[in-house]
Amino acid sequence: MKLPLRSRRTCAAMASVLAVLAVGFGPSTARAAPPSTDEWAVEWTDDFGGGAGTAPDSKNWITDVGTGYPGGPAQWGTGEVQRYTNDPANLSQDGHGNLRITPLRDSAGRWTSGRIETRRSDFRPADGKKLRIEARLQLPGITGPAAAGYWPAFWTLGRPFRTGEGVSPTVGEFDVLENANGVNRVWGAMHCGTSTGGPCEESTGLNADTACPGSECTGHFHTYAVEWDRSVEPERLTWSVDGRPYHSVSSAQINEATWDAATGHGHFILLDLAIGGGFPKAIAGHSTPTPNTRPGSPMLVDHVTVRTTGGSD
């Protein structure tokens, strides 16, 4: 079933992150990112090994704050209701090898949460090579009415979006993982072309969904990845959960100019936990969040790793 996924954004913002103590963490569930193998070399990784309450490494990450990029559409162009902050209560390392992104609601009913994006925006496989973008993470352990409006995501945008030389979805967007309302499924998608219709069937994108192998998606760690393969013809993107592929898009499905506009440059990586917006509404069939939505259930990110079979250009 095709549902509205991550929607359009317009220009990147940068802000510093503060470090303060965060509380309430359980036992460590983190593990180091797997090392290089004969096929895959680690090009870039962050395993969030900082102390409890500290910010993600500012050498690796930009922290987005507010309700939209400067000059961009309100509510990040998606209708989500939270304000992103650099408050460690919303965004901090937990001291056990995880990044913790926590949505909170104040006494006036206003939501806050966290969102980061990599400083690097050049993630792209070299000609004839492959690149794999992956994260081991735990979706919020919350389901049912209490999860209405939760929208965690791990995704990429094309570099021209950040430099102001292009717009989304034309510059390309790979939704490596999206979930909404605590349902036991995850979605992956490619966005490209025009904002309505076009070869990527916007605004839904070319998407698919799956349950997670072995355990439920919510409340358990799984490894989510997209593999970008420029060693084959036609070129191909493949989505997987715990190494099990469930979706692919090839350049043969899209005209050459549109494919090149979406993939002919590097991408940067984003992690966020939104509240409300088009995707949760589409799944729930009504506006979210609701009075029953419960704040405080975090997404935990063990590591984000980029691997390549031959470097990036």
Protein backbone atom coordinates (compact mmCIF):
# COMPACT_ATOMS: atom_id res chain seq x y z
CA MET A 1 0.00 0.00 0.00
CA LYS A 2 1.37 3.41 -0.93
CA LEU A 3 1.27 6.04 1.78
CA PRO A 4 2.65 9.55 1.99
CA LEU A 5 6.21 9.27 3.27
CA ARG A 6 8.82 11.91 4.11
CA SER A 7 7.98 15.12 2.26
CA ARG A 8 9.88 18.08 0.90
CA ARG A 9 12.55 20.21 2.61
CA THR A 10 14.38 23.33 1.40
CA CYS A 11 17.82 24.33 2.91
CA ALA A 12 19.98 23.06 5.82
CA ALA A 13 20.57 24.81 9.11
CA MET A 14 23.42 24.39 11.58
CA ALA A 15 23.39 24.83 15.34
CA SER A 16 25.68 23.87 18.20
CA VAL A 17 24.61 21.26 20.72
CA LEU A 18 24.64 21.60 24.53
CA ALA A 19 25.69 18.82 26.91
CA VAL A 20 23.83 18.17 30.16
CA LEU A 21 23.06 15.08 32.21
CA ALA A 22 20.19 12.88 31.01
CA VAL A 23 18.55 10.30 33.25
CA GLY A 24 16.56 7.10 33.18
CA PHE A 25 18.77 4.94 30.96
CA GLY A 26 18.62 1.19 31.14
CA PRO A 27 21.44 -1.33 30.75
CA SER A 28 23.70 -1.08 27.75
CA THR A 29 22.33 -2.55 24.55
CA ALA A 30 24.96 -1.03 22.29
CA ARG A 31 27.64 -2.80 20.36
CA ALA A 32 30.41 -1.55 18.13
CA ALA A 33 29.76 -1.17 14.43
CA PRO A 34 30.91 -4.31 12.57
CA PRO A 35 34.45 -3.95 11.21
CA SER A 36 35.54 -3.87 7.60
CA THR A 37 35.31 -7.13 5.65
CA ASP A 38 36.95 -8.44 2.50
CA GLU A 39 34.14 -6.83 0.48
CA TRP A 40 33.19 -3.77 2.55
CA ALA A 41 35.49 -1.11 3.97
CA VAL A 42 34.17 1.27 6.63
CA GLU A 43 34.32 4.77 5.16
CA TRP A 44 32.59 6.65 8.00
CA THR A 45 30.98 5.69 11.30
CA ASP A 46 29.74 7.06 14.59
CA ASP A 47 28.98 4.69 17.47
CA PHE A 48 27.82 7.41 19.90
CA GLY A 49 30.30 6.47 22.58
CA GLY A 50 30.18 9.74 24.50
CA GLY A 51 29.20 10.23 28.12
CA ALA A 52 25.65 10.32 29.42
CA GLY A 53 23.91 13.56 28.53
CA THR A 54 26.56 14.70 26.04
CA ALA A 55 25.78 15.94 22.57
CA PRO A 56 26.47 13.89 19.44
CA ASP A 57 29.93 14.71 18.06
CA SER A 58 29.72 18.13 16.38
CA LYS A 59 32.54 17.12 14.03
CA ASN A 60 30.16 14.55 12.56
CA TRP A 61 26.70 16.07 13.03
CA ILE A 62 24.66 19.23 12.58
CA THR A 63 21.75 19.63 14.99
CA ASP A 64 18.59 21.02 13.41
CA VAL A 65 16.53 23.32 15.63
CA GLY A 66 13.14 25.01 15.33
CA THR A 67 10.18 24.25 13.12
CA GLY A 68 11.79 24.55 9.68
CA TYR A 69 14.90 25.52 7.76
CA PRO A 70 15.44 29.29 7.38
CA GLY A 71 13.37 30.38 4.40
CA GLY A 72 11.76 26.96 4.15
CA PRO A 73 8.19 25.81 4.69
CA ALA A 74 6.66 25.77 8.17
CA GLN A 75 6.69 22.55 10.19
CA TRP A 76 9.46 21.16 7.94
CA GLY A 77 7.00 20.95 5.06
CA THR A 78 5.34 17.84 6.46
CA GLY A 79 2.80 19.16 8.99
CA GLU A 80 4.67 17.62 11.94
CA VAL A 81 3.92 19.52 15.15
CA GLN A 82 7.08 19.32 17.27
CA ARG A 83 9.87 21.86 17.61
CA TYR A 84 13.38 20.41 17.31
CA THR A 85 15.81 21.46 20.02
CA ASN A 86 19.40 20.95 21.13
CA ASP A 87 18.22 20.26 24.69
CA PRO A 88 19.87 17.05 25.96
CA ALA A 89 16.46 15.96 27.23
CA ASN A 90 15.50 15.64 23.54
CA LEU A 91 18.86 14.72 22.03
CA SER A 92 21.91 13.25 23.76
CA GLN A 93 24.17 10.25 24.09
CA ASP A 94 23.18 7.89 26.89
CA GLY A 95 26.60 6.80 28.16
CA HIS A 96 25.93 3.22 27.00
CA GLY A 97 26.90 3.67 23.34
CA ASN A 98 23.60 5.00 22.01
CA LEU A 99 22.19 8.26 20.74
CA ARG A 100 18.84 8.93 22.41
CA ILE A 101 16.17 11.00 20.59
CA THR A 102 13.21 11.62 22.89
CA PRO A 103 9.93 13.41 22.10
CA LEU A 104 8.57 15.41 25.03
CA ARG A 105 5.37 17.38 25.71
CA ASP A 106 5.18 20.30 28.12
CA SER A 107 2.26 21.29 30.36
CA ALA A 108 0.84 23.49 27.58
CA GLY A 109 0.76 20.53 25.18
CA ARG A 110 3.72 21.67 23.07
CA TRP A 111 5.95 18.93 21.67
CA THR A 112 9.74 18.97 21.30
CA SER A 113 12.12 16.38 19.86
CA GLY A 114 15.50 15.98 18.12
CA ARG A 115 16.90 15.84 14.62
CA ILE A 116 20.49 15.64 13.31
CA GLU A 117 22.18 15.43 9.92
CA THR A 118 25.74 14.53 8.92
CA ARG A 119 28.20 17.30 8.18
CA ARG A 120 29.43 15.20 5.30
CA SER A 121 27.24 15.42 2.23
CA ASP A 122 29.39 13.44 -0.19
CA PHE A 123 28.19 9.90 0.45
CA ARG A 124 28.06 8.31 -2.99
CA PRO A 125 29.66 5.20 -4.46
CA ALA A 126 32.50 5.70 -6.91
CA ASP A 127 31.88 4.65 -10.49
CA GLY A 128 31.64 0.88 -10.65
CA LYS A 129 31.49 0.51 -6.85
CA LYS A 130 28.90 0.07 -4.10
CA LEU A 131 28.06 2.05 -0.97
CA ARG A 132 25.97 0.91 1.99
CA ILE A 133 24.37 3.31 4.49
CA GLU A 134 23.21 1.53 7.64
CA ALA A 135 22.14 2.15 11.21
CA ARG A 136 21.52 -0.23 14.05
CA LEU A 137 18.71 1.34 16.02
CA GLN A 138 15.75 0.67 18.26
CA LEU A 139 12.42 2.23 17.37
CA PRO A 140 10.42 3.64 20.29
CA GLY A 141 8.99 0.84 22.43
CA ILE A 142 5.47 2.19 22.29
CA THR A 143 2.38 0.93 20.45
CA GLY A 144 -1.35 1.49 20.23
CA PRO A 145 -3.08 4.80 21.06
CA ALA A 146 -0.08 5.93 23.13
CA ALA A 147 2.07 5.92 19.96
CA ALA A 148 -0.29 8.00 17.77
CA GLY A 149 1.82 10.54 15.91
CA TYR A 150 5.26 9.04 16.54
CA TRP A 151 7.28 9.28 13.29
CA PRO A 152 10.91 8.09 13.63
CA ALA A 153 13.08 8.19 10.51
CA PHE A 154 16.57 7.45 9.15
CA TRP A 155 17.05 8.92 5.67
CA THR A 156 19.20 10.88 3.20
CA LEU A 157 18.95 13.98 1.02
CA GLY A 158 20.99 14.96 -2.03
CA ARG A 159 23.83 17.44 -1.46
CA PRO A 160 22.40 20.16 -3.79
CA PHE A 161 19.54 20.57 -1.33
CA ARG A 162 21.99 21.73 1.35
CA THR A 163 23.88 24.09 -0.94
CA GLY A 164 20.70 25.65 -2.31
CA GLU A 165 21.46 24.40 -5.83
CA GLY A 166 18.47 22.07 -5.94
CA VAL A 167 15.13 21.24 -4.35
CA SER A 168 13.55 18.11 -2.98
CA PRO A 169 12.48 15.68 -4.31
CA THR A 170 14.44 16.48 -7.50
CA VAL A 171 17.83 16.14 -5.76
CA GLY A 172 16.92 12.69 -4.42
CA GLU A 173 15.82 11.35 -1.07
CA PHE A 174 16.34 7.82 0.23
CA ASP A 175 14.15 6.94 3.20
CA VAL A 176 16.17 4.08 4.67
CA LEU A 177 13.66 3.62 7.49
CA GLU A 178 10.36 5.17 8.48
CA ASN A 179 7.79 4.03 11.02
CA ALA A 180 4.64 5.68 12.31
CA ASN A 181 2.23 5.27 15.21
CA GLY A 182 4.17 2.33 16.64
CA VAL A 183 2.92 -0.16 14.03
CA ASN A 184 4.95 -3.32 13.60
CA ARG A 185 6.19 -2.42 10.11
CA VAL A 186 8.86 -0.25 8.54
CA TRP A 187 8.94 1.56 5.21
CA GLY A 188 11.70 2.36 2.71
CA ALA A 189 11.37 4.68 -0.27
CA MET A 190 13.10 6.65 -3.01
CA HIS A 191 11.84 10.16 -3.79
CA CYS A 192 12.78 11.94 -7.02
CA GLY A 193 11.50 14.06 -9.87
CA THR A 194 8.59 16.42 -9.31
CA SER A 195 6.64 17.03 -6.11
CA THR A 196 3.49 15.50 -7.59
CA GLY A 197 3.37 12.42 -9.78
CA GLY A 198 6.36 11.86 -12.03
CA PRO A 199 8.62 8.80 -12.24
CA CYS A 200 8.84 8.44 -8.45
CA GLU A 201 5.04 8.61 -8.05
CA GLU A 202 5.17 11.52 -5.62
CA SER A 203 4.30 12.28 -2.99
CA THR A 204 4.39 8.62 -1.95
CA GLY A 205 7.69 7.84 -3.63
CA LEU A 206 8.69 4.39 -4.86
CA ASN A 207 8.21 2.56 -1.58
CA ALA A 208 7.68 -0.77 0.11
CA ASP A 209 7.16 -1.95 3.68
CA THR A 210 7.96 -5.01 5.75
CA ALA A 211 7.79 -6.52 9.21
CA CYS A 212 11.12 -6.97 11.01
CA PRO A 213 12.69 -10.43 11.18
CA GLY A 214 13.08 -12.20 14.49
CA SER A 215 11.36 -9.65 16.74
CA GLU A 216 8.96 -6.74 16.51
CA CYS A 217 10.20 -3.54 14.90
CA THR A 218 9.22 -1.41 17.90
CA GLY A 219 11.24 -1.73 21.08
CA HIS A 220 13.97 -3.93 19.56
CA PHE A 221 17.27 -3.25 17.83
CA HIS A 222 17.45 -3.98 14.11
CA THR A 223 19.90 -2.95 11.39
CA TYR A 224 18.37 -0.88 8.59
CA ALA A 225 20.31 -0.28 5.39
CA VAL A 226 20.17 0.94 1.82
CA GLU A 227 22.79 -0.35 -0.62
CA TRP A 228 23.60 1.92 -3.56
CA ASP A 229 25.11 -0.20 -6.34
CA ARG A 230 26.90 1.46 -9.25
CA SER A 231 28.75 -1.75 -10.15
CA VAL A 232 25.81 -3.11 -12.16
CA GLU A 233 23.79 -1.91 -15.11
CA PRO A 234 21.16 -0.73 -14.53
CA GLU A 235 22.23 0.92 -11.26
CA ARG A 236 20.22 -0.16 -8.25
CA LEU A 237 19.19 0.80 -4.70
CA THR A 238 18.28 -2.04 -2.33
CA TRP A 239 16.68 -1.72 1.12
CA SER A 240 17.12 -4.33 3.86
CA VAL A 241 16.37 -5.07 7.51
CA ASP A 242 18.90 -7.23 9.35
CA GLY A 243 20.44 -8.17 6.00
CA ARG A 244 17.12 -9.26 4.49
CA PRO A 245 16.31 -7.28 1.31
CA TYR A 246 12.70 -6.19 0.89
CA HIS A 247 12.69 -3.35 -1.68
CA SER A 248 14.70 -2.20 -4.68
CA VAL A 249 14.61 0.55 -7.27
CA SER A 250 16.71 0.53 -10.44
CA SER A 251 17.67 3.24 -12.90
CA ALA A 252 15.68 1.31 -15.53
CA GLN A 253 12.48 2.36 -13.73
CA ILE A 254 13.25 6.07 -14.04
CA ASN A 255 14.28 8.21 -17.02
CA GLU A 256 17.99 8.96 -17.19
CA ALA A 257 17.75 12.69 -16.48
CA THR A 258 15.63 12.18 -13.36
CA TRP A 259 17.88 9.39 -12.06
CA ASP A 260 20.98 11.53 -12.59
CA ALA A 261 19.36 14.50 -10.84
CA ALA A 262 18.69 12.30 -7.80
CA THR A 263 21.90 10.25 -7.70
CA GLY A 264 24.57 12.18 -9.63
CA HIS A 265 25.97 13.73 -6.44
CA GLY A 266 26.62 12.89 -2.80
CA HIS A 267 23.96 12.61 -0.11
CA PHE A 268 23.89 13.48 3.59
CA ILE A 269 22.25 11.38 6.32
CA LEU A 270 19.53 12.39 8.78
CA LEU A 271 18.01 10.93 11.94
CA ASP A 272 14.90 12.34 13.61
CA LEU A 273 11.81 11.55 15.63
CA ALA A 274 8.92 13.74 14.48
CA ILE A 275 5.47 13.97 16.04
CA GLY A 276 2.41 14.21 13.82
CA GLY A 277 2.46 15.03 10.13
CA GLY A 278 1.25 13.46 6.92
CA PHE A 279 2.60 9.93 7.31
CA PRO A 280 1.19 9.18 10.80
CA LYS A 281 -2.13 10.72 9.72
CA ALA A 282 -2.26 8.51 6.63
CA ILE A 283 -1.71 5.37 8.68
CA ALA A 284 -4.03 6.33 11.54
CA GLY A 285 -6.77 7.77 9.34
CA HIS A 286 -7.03 10.85 11.56
CA SER A 287 -4.87 13.73 12.77
CA THR A 288 -2.15 12.96 15.28
CA PRO A 289 -0.95 13.27 17.98
CA THR A 290 -4.02 12.79 20.15
CA PRO A 291 -4.62 13.41 23.87
CA ASN A 292 -3.71 9.74 24.39
CA THR A 293 -0.26 10.08 22.82
CA ARG A 294 2.35 9.47 25.50
CA PRO A 295 5.61 11.46 25.45
CA GLY A 296 9.01 10.18 26.49
CA SER A 297 9.57 7.01 24.44
CA PRO A 298 12.95 7.42 22.70
CA MET A 299 14.53 6.12 19.53
CA LEU A 300 17.97 4.70 20.36
CA VAL A 301 20.71 4.67 17.72
CA ASP A 302 23.63 2.31 18.35
CA HIS A 303 25.66 3.33 15.31
CA VAL A 304 25.45 4.85 11.85
CA THR A 305 27.98 3.41 9.40
CA VAL A 306 28.80 4.01 5.75
CA ARG A 307 30.67 1.23 3.94
CA THR A 308 32.08 1.17 0.45
CA THR A 309 33.67 -1.29 -1.91
CA GLY A 310 35.95 1.37 -3.29
CA GLY A 311 35.58 4.82 -1.80
CA SER A 312 33.37 7.79 -2.64
CA ASP A 313 33.75 10.52 -5.21
